[in-house]
C-alpha atoms as a PDB file:
ATOM      1  CA  MET A   1       6.962  10.725 -13.872  1.00  0.00           C
ATOM      2  CA  LEU A   2       4.679   7.904 -13.356  1.00  0.00           C
ATOM      3  CA  GLN A   3       1.424   7.443 -15.599  1.00  0.00           C
ATOM      4  CA  ARG A   4      -1.902   5.871 -14.607  1.00  0.00           C
ATOM      5  CA  GLY A   5      -1.749   2.351 -14.154  1.00  0.00           C
ATOM      6  CA  ASP A   6       1.975   1.976 -13.925  1.00  0.00           C
ATOM      7  CA  HIS A   7       3.462   0.844 -10.973  1.00  0.00           C
ATOM      8  CA  ALA A   8       5.664   1.749  -7.905  1.00  0.00           C
ATOM      9  CA  LEU A   9       7.074   0.843  -4.666  1.00  0.00           C
ATOM     10  CA  PHE A  10       6.703   2.772  -1.669  1.00  0.00           C
ATOM     11  CA  ARG A  11       8.707   1.877   1.017  1.00  0.00           C
ATOM     12  CA  TYR A  12       9.253   3.339   4.947  1.00  0.00           C
ATOM     13  CA  VAL A  13      12.989   3.254   5.353  1.00  0.00           C
ATOM     14  CA  TRP A  14      14.829   4.138   8.011  1.00  0.00           C
ATOM     15  CA  PRO A  15      19.269   4.523   8.217  1.00  0.00           C
ATOM     16  CA  GLN A  16      19.312   0.635   9.353  1.00  0.00           C
ATOM     17  CA  GLY A  17      17.452  -0.768   6.366  1.00  0.00           C
ATOM     18  CA  VAL A  18      14.194  -0.586   4.938  1.00  0.00           C
ATOM     19  CA  PHE A  19      11.416  -0.868   7.312  1.00  0.00           C
ATOM     20  CA  TRP A  20       8.555  -1.257   4.931  1.00  0.00           C
ATOM     21  CA  ALA A  21       8.041  -2.035   1.183  1.00  0.00           C
ATOM     22  CA  LEU A  22       4.643  -2.166  -0.129  1.00  0.00           C
ATOM     23  CA  PRO A  23       3.935  -2.443  -4.117  1.00  0.00           C
ATOM     24  CA  THR A  24       1.155   0.272  -5.441  1.00  0.00           C
ATOM     25  CA  THR A  25      -0.111   1.087  -8.783  1.00  0.00           C
ATOM     26  CA  ALA A  26       0.264   4.965  -9.598  1.00  0.00           C
ATOM     27  CA  VAL A  27      -3.642   6.853 -10.143  1.00  0.00           C
ATOM     28  CA  GLU A  28      -2.119  10.046 -11.304  1.00  0.00           C
ATOM     29  CA  GLU A  29       1.118  12.190 -10.802  1.00  0.00           C
ATOM     30  CA  ASP A  30       2.318  15.092 -11.919  1.00  0.00           C
ATOM     31  CA  PRO A  31       4.685  18.136 -10.300  1.00  0.00           C
ATOM     32  CA  GLY A  32       1.715  19.083  -7.245  1.00  0.00           C
ATOM     33  CA  ARG A  33       1.634  15.291  -6.475  1.00  0.00           C
ATOM     34  CA  SER A  34       1.590  11.853  -7.122  1.00  0.00           C
ATOM     35  CA  ILE A  35      -1.365   9.577  -5.501  1.00  0.00           C
ATOM     36  CA  LEU A  36      -0.977   5.655  -5.166  1.00  0.00           C
ATOM     37  CA  TRP A  37      -3.640   3.110  -4.733  1.00  0.00           C
ATOM     38  CA  VAL A  38      -2.806   0.297  -2.381  1.00  0.00           C
ATOM     39  CA  ALA A  39      -4.882  -2.560  -3.775  1.00  0.00           C
ATOM     40  CA  PRO A  40      -6.496  -5.524  -1.136  1.00  0.00           C
ATOM     41  CA  GLY A  41      -4.146  -8.556  -0.488  1.00  0.00           C
ATOM     42  CA  THR A  42      -0.991  -6.530  -2.390  1.00  0.00           C
ATOM     43  CA  PRO A  43       1.757  -8.496  -1.058  1.00  0.00           C
ATOM     44  CA  PHE A  44       4.911  -6.843   0.645  1.00  0.00           C
ATOM     45  CA  LYS A  45       7.355  -6.788   3.420  1.00  0.00           C
ATOM     46  CA  ARG A  46       6.829  -5.495   6.783  1.00  0.00           C
ATOM     47  CA  PRO A  47       8.724  -6.196  10.524  1.00  0.00           C
ATOM     48  CA  GLU A  48       7.414  -9.150  11.865  1.00  0.00           C
ATOM     49  CA  VAL A  49       5.402  -7.511  14.835  1.00  0.00           C
ATOM     50  CA  LEU A  50       3.091  -4.854  13.535  1.00  0.00           C
ATOM     51  CA  HIS A  51       3.275  -3.026  15.759  1.00  0.00           C
ATOM     52  CA  LEU A  52       6.641  -2.505  16.544  1.00  0.00           C
ATOM     53  CA  PRO A  53       8.258  -1.400  19.851  1.00  0.00           C
ATOM     54  CA  ILE A  54       9.907   2.150  20.088  1.00  0.00           C
ATOM     55  CA  PRO A  55      13.004   1.086  21.187  1.00  0.00           C
ATOM     56  CA  ARG A  56      13.351  -1.897  19.155  1.00  0.00           C
ATOM     57  CA  LEU A  57      12.625   0.583  16.299  1.00  0.00           C
ATOM     58  CA  ALA A  58      15.492   3.087  17.208  1.00  0.00           C
ATOM     59  CA  ALA A  59      17.602  -0.009  17.513  1.00  0.00           C
ATOM     60  CA  GLY A  60      16.979  -1.056  14.069  1.00  0.00           C
ATOM     61  CA  ASP A  61      16.019  -4.435  15.609  1.00  0.00           C
ATOM     62  CA  TRP A  62      13.522  -5.615  13.119  1.00  0.00           C
ATOM     63  CA  THR A  63      13.654  -8.385  10.278  1.00  0.00           C
ATOM     64  CA  VAL A  64      11.094  -8.111   7.285  1.00  0.00           C
ATOM     65  CA  THR A  65       8.834 -10.572   6.473  1.00  0.00           C
ATOM     66  CA  ASP A  66       5.828 -11.146   4.400  1.00  0.00           C
ATOM     67  CA  SER A  67       2.979  -9.712   4.577  1.00  0.00           C
ATOM     68  CA  SER A  68      -0.232  -8.997   2.398  1.00  0.00           C
ATOM     69  CA  TRP A  69      -2.611  -5.699   2.180  1.00  0.00           C
ATOM     70  CA  PHE A  70      -5.276  -5.742   4.653  1.00  0.00           C
ATOM     71  CA  GLY A  71      -8.284  -5.369   4.556  1.00  0.00           C
ATOM     72  CA  GLY A  72     -10.138  -3.095   2.137  1.00  0.00           C
ATOM     73  CA  GLY A  73      -7.617  -0.455  -0.163  1.00  0.00           C
ATOM     74  CA  ALA A  74      -5.986   2.685   0.729  1.00  0.00           C
ATOM     75  CA  LEU A  75      -5.024   5.562  -1.925  1.00  0.00           C
ATOM     76  CA  ILE A  76      -2.140   7.579  -0.734  1.00  0.00           C
ATOM     77  CA  ILE A  77      -1.986  11.305  -1.504  1.00  0.00           C
ATOM     78  CA  ALA A  78       1.558  13.593  -1.269  1.00  0.00           C
ATOM     79  CA  GLU A  79       2.345  16.642  -2.070  1.00  0.00           C
ATOM     80  CA  PRO A  80       6.391  17.487  -3.224  1.00  0.00           C
ATOM     81  CA  ASP A  81       8.685  18.663  -0.440  1.00  0.00           C
ATOM     82  CA  VAL A  82       5.410  18.481   2.432  1.00  0.00           C
ATOM     83  CA  ALA A  83       5.938  16.231   5.616  1.00  0.00           C
ATOM     84  CA  HIS A  84       3.216  14.391   5.508  1.00  0.00           C
ATOM     85  CA  ALA A  85       0.644  12.169   3.439  1.00  0.00           C
ATOM     86  CA  VAL A  86      -3.029  11.706   3.155  1.00  0.00           C
ATOM     87  CA  TRP A  87      -4.775   7.791   2.987  1.00  0.00           C
ATOM     88  CA  VAL A  88      -8.269   7.319   1.839  1.00  0.00           C
ATOM     89  CA  MET A  89      -8.821   3.811   3.430  1.00  0.00           C
ATOM     90  CA  TRP A  90     -12.151   1.750   2.990  1.00  0.00           C
ATOM     91  CA  ASP A  91     -12.712  -1.247   4.689  1.00  0.00           C
ATOM     92  CA  GLU A  92     -13.079  -4.906   2.976  1.00  0.00           C
ATOM     93  CA  GLY A  93     -17.031  -4.261   2.244  1.00  0.00           C
ATOM     94  CA  GLY A  94     -15.711  -0.917  -0.210  1.00  0.00           C
ATOM     95  CA  ALA A  95     -17.219   1.273   2.574  1.00  0.00           C
ATOM     96  CA  LEU A  96     -15.384   4.687   3.398  1.00  0.00           C
ATOM     97  CA  ILE A  97     -13.463   4.062   6.936  1.00  0.00           C
ATOM     98  CA  GLY A  98     -11.589   7.846   7.248  1.00  0.00           C
ATOM     99  CA  TRP A  99      -8.731   9.368   6.430  1.00  0.00           C
ATOM    100  CA  TYR A 100      -5.495   8.236   7.517  1.00  0.00           C
ATOM    101  CA  VAL A 101      -2.822  11.351   8.176  1.00  0.00           C
ATOM    102  CA  ASN A 102       0.904  10.005   7.965  1.00  0.00           C
ATOM    103  CA  LEU A 103       3.187  12.628   9.197  1.00  0.00           C
ATOM    104  CA  GLU A 104       6.444  11.934   8.051  1.00  0.00           C
ATOM    105  CA  GLU A 105       9.473  12.771   6.012  1.00  0.00           C
ATOM    106  CA  PRO A 106       8.777  14.484   2.388  1.00  0.00           C
ATOM    107  CA  ARG A 107       8.485  11.650   0.411  1.00  0.00           C
ATOM    108  CA  ARG A 108      11.914  10.766  -1.848  1.00  0.00           C
ATOM    109  CA  ARG A 109      11.705   9.958  -5.767  1.00  0.00           C
ATOM    110  CA  THR A 110      14.072   6.430  -6.445  1.00  0.00           C
ATOM    111  CA  PRO A 111      14.447   4.306  -9.230  1.00  0.00           C
ATOM    112  CA  LEU A 112      11.722   2.202  -8.362  1.00  0.00           C
ATOM    113  CA  GLY A 113       9.425   4.485  -6.466  1.00  0.00           C
ATOM    114  CA  TYR A 114       8.995   6.975  -2.953  1.00  0.00           C
ATOM    115  CA  ASP A 115      10.894   6.488   0.219  1.00  0.00           C
ATOM    116  CA  THR A 116       9.760   8.042   3.164  1.00  0.00           C
ATOM    117  CA  THR A 117      10.521   7.718   7.157  1.00  0.00           C
ATOM    118  CA  ASP A 118       7.601   7.431   9.737  1.00  0.00           C
ATOM    119  CA  HIS A 119       7.468  10.114  12.125  1.00  0.00           C
ATOM    120  CA  THR A 120       5.017   8.364  14.197  1.00  0.00           C
ATOM    121  CA  LEU A 121       2.937  10.555  15.177  1.00  0.00           C
ATOM    122  CA  ASP A 122      -0.690  10.439  12.977  1.00  0.00           C
ATOM    123  CA  ILE A 123      -4.144  12.241  12.707  1.00  0.00           C
ATOM    124  CA  VAL A 124      -6.794   9.614  11.991  1.00  0.00           C
ATOM    125  CA  VAL A 125     -10.036  11.754  10.439  1.00  0.00           C
ATOM    126  CA  ARG A 126     -13.262  10.299  10.654  1.00  0.00           C
ATOM    127  CA  PRO A 127     -16.010  10.315   7.527  1.00  0.00           C
ATOM    128  CA  ASP A 128     -17.544  12.646   9.681  1.00  0.00           C
ATOM    129  CA  ARG A 129     -15.187  14.787   9.657  1.00  0.00           C
ATOM    130  CA  SER A 130     -13.524  14.221  13.335  1.00  0.00           C
ATOM    131  CA  TRP A 131     -10.601  13.811  13.956  1.00  0.00           C
ATOM    132  CA  GLN A 132      -7.673  12.989  17.005  1.00  0.00           C
ATOM    133  CA  TRP A 133      -4.606  12.226  17.104  1.00  0.00           C
ATOM    134  CA  LYS A 134      -2.530   8.592  16.901  1.00  0.00           C
ATOM    135  CA  ASP A 135       0.352   7.517  18.518  1.00  0.00           C
ATOM    136  CA  GLU A 136       1.141  10.454  20.743  1.00  0.00           C
ATOM    137  CA  ALA A 137       2.037   7.791  23.472  1.00  0.00           C
ATOM    138  CA  GLU A 138       4.410   6.628  20.877  1.00  0.00           C
ATOM    139  CA  PHE A 139       5.572   9.552  19.709  1.00  0.00           C
ATOM    140  CA  ALA A 140       6.807  10.927  22.921  1.00  0.00           C
ATOM    141  CA  GLU A 141       8.809   7.731  23.409  1.00  0.00           C
ATOM    142  CA  ALA A 142      10.368   8.162  20.131  1.00  0.00           C
ATOM    143  CA  VAL A 143      11.846  11.568  21.238  1.00  0.00           C
ATOM    144  CA  ASP A 144      12.499   9.723  24.620  1.00  0.00           C
ATOM    145  CA  VAL A 145      14.671   6.850  23.075  1.00  0.00           C
ATOM    146  CA  GLY A 146      16.164   9.179  20.645  1.00  0.00           C
ATOM    147  CA  LEU A 147      15.054   8.733  17.518  1.00  0.00           C
ATOM    148  CA  PHE A 148      13.996  12.540  17.042  1.00  0.00           C
ATOM    149  CA  SER A 149      14.684  15.239  18.486  1.00  0.00           C
ATOM    150  CA  PRO A 150      13.295  18.232  20.828  1.00  0.00           C
ATOM    151  CA  GLN A 151      13.515  20.432  18.294  1.00  0.00           C
ATOM    152  CA  LYS A 152      12.329  17.623  14.966  1.00  0.00           C
ATOM    153  CA  ALA A 153       9.546  17.172  17.592  1.00  0.00           C
ATOM    154  CA  ALA A 154       8.313  20.155  17.141  1.00  0.00           C
ATOM    155  CA  GLU A 155       8.594  20.255  13.995  1.00  0.00           C
ATOM    156  CA  ILE A 156       6.762  17.374  13.384  1.00  0.00           C
ATOM    157  CA  ARG A 157       4.285  18.675  15.517  1.00  0.00           C
ATOM    158  CA  ALA A 158       3.890  21.890  13.836  1.00  0.00           C
ATOM    159  CA  GLU A 159       3.428  19.773   9.964  1.00  0.00           C
ATOM    160  CA  GLY A 160       0.358  18.053  12.109  1.00  0.00           C
ATOM    161  CA  GLU A 161      -1.375  21.195  13.114  1.00  0.00           C
ATOM    162  CA  ARG A 162      -1.121  22.893   9.832  1.00  0.00           C
ATOM    163  CA  VAL A 163      -2.763  19.705   8.471  1.00  0.00           C
ATOM    164  CA  VAL A 164      -5.420  20.436  11.706  1.00  0.00           C
ATOM    165  CA  GLN A 165      -6.076  24.050   9.874  1.00  0.00           C
ATOM    166  CA  ARG A 166      -6.717  22.149   6.431  1.00  0.00           C
ATOM    167  CA  ILE A 167      -9.113  19.372   8.055  1.00  0.00           C
ATOM    168  CA  GLY A 168     -11.112  22.353   9.830  1.00  0.00           C
ATOM    169  CA  ALA A 169     -11.648  23.915   6.638  1.00  0.00           C
ATOM    170  CA  TRP A 170     -11.839  21.085   5.017  1.00  0.00           C
ATOM    171  CA  SER A 171      -9.964  22.031   2.432  1.00  0.00           C
ATOM    172  CA  ALA A 172      -7.601  19.503  -0.068  1.00  0.00           C
ATOM    173  CA  PRO A 173      -7.436  16.849  -0.425  1.00  0.00           C
ATOM    174  CA  PHE A 174     -10.299  16.065   1.696  1.00  0.00           C
ATOM    175  CA  ASN A 175     -12.452  17.989  -0.116  1.00  0.00           C
ATOM    176  CA  GLU A 176     -11.854  16.737  -3.234  1.00  0.00           C
ATOM    177  CA  GLY A 177     -14.591  13.212  -3.062  1.00  0.00           C
ATOM    178  CA  TRP A 178     -11.577  11.042  -3.596  1.00  0.00           C
ATOM    179  CA  GLU A 179     -13.600   8.301  -1.141  1.00  0.00           C
ATOM    180  CA  ASN A 180     -16.004   8.165  -4.270  1.00  0.00           C
ATOM    181  CA  TRP A 181     -13.021   7.049  -6.317  1.00  0.00           C
ATOM    182  CA  ARG A 182     -12.618   3.082  -7.299  1.00  0.00           C
ATOM    183  CA  PRO A 183     -10.000   1.984  -8.909  1.00  0.00           C
ATOM    184  CA  ASP A 184      -9.729   0.195 -12.745  1.00  0.00           C
ATOM    185  CA  PRO A 185     -10.835  -3.378 -12.329  1.00  0.00           C
ATOM    186  CA  ASP A 186      -8.794  -4.535 -14.588  1.00  0.00           C
ATOM    187  CA  TRP A 187      -5.641  -3.413 -12.923  1.00  0.00           C
ATOM    188  CA  PRO A 188      -3.051  -6.363 -12.493  1.00  0.00           C
ATOM    189  CA  LEU A 189      -2.074  -6.535  -8.718  1.00  0.00           C
ATOM    190  CA  PRO A 190       1.620  -5.091  -8.309  1.00  0.00           C
ATOM    191  CA  SER A 191       4.326  -7.299  -7.070  1.00  0.00           C
ATOM    192  CA  LEU A 192       7.711  -6.689  -5.083  1.00  0.00           C
ATOM    193  CA  PRO A 193      10.310  -5.919  -7.443  1.00  0.00           C
ATOM    194  CA  ASP A 194      14.333  -7.256  -7.357  1.00  0.00           C
ATOM    195  CA  GLY A 195      16.241  -4.723  -5.721  1.00  0.00           C
ATOM    196  CA  TRP A 196      13.469  -3.953  -3.297  1.00  0.00           C
ATOM    197  CA  ALA A 197      14.947  -4.433  -0.152  1.00  0.00           C
ATOM    198  CA  LYS A 198      18.348  -2.190  -1.967  1.00  0.00           C
ATOM    199  CA  LEU A 199      18.496   1.582  -0.114  1.00  0.00           C
ATOM    200  CA  THR A 200      19.544   4.516  -1.920  1.00  0.00           C
ATOM    201  CA  GLY A 201      21.437   7.776  -2.076  1.00  0.00           C
END
């Protein structure tokens, strides 16, 4: 179990390899959920193109390059066996941008942290609690090229609809005050660990 302040590697992976490798700091972890902090300026790996075209993604046609976390920080809140994570995001001045719901495979624990696979479709929630779907065209293209089957796409959309209900009810984690949370100023910036590119299990 991660302890507060421990470092953990968060990755988006596909069968072809690691897509993102992002060092984070644990805020809390228990059997009910994990919360990871992404500090501004954190060094991480991502494809050389920030918005990789879907056909290239499906073909595994990317190489990762060095980058650093852009803008302000973010909290990643995820429950076990749930196919989404909620990101709380701030700008460089510390003002709340909003919540970003990333639809993804239930995250898998690894020796270095957590892995998941992105589902392309997302939900953006603004500070006034209004929301909208994001990347619907890319999601449709992912189905067209066979990245997701029609059945899998329906499951992904249904997961998003369940989150929309939580947004409408303004239930956890949206109503827990995480927008007012701030990291420990003594936390050091995490770095990429050895073995960050190795796929497991």
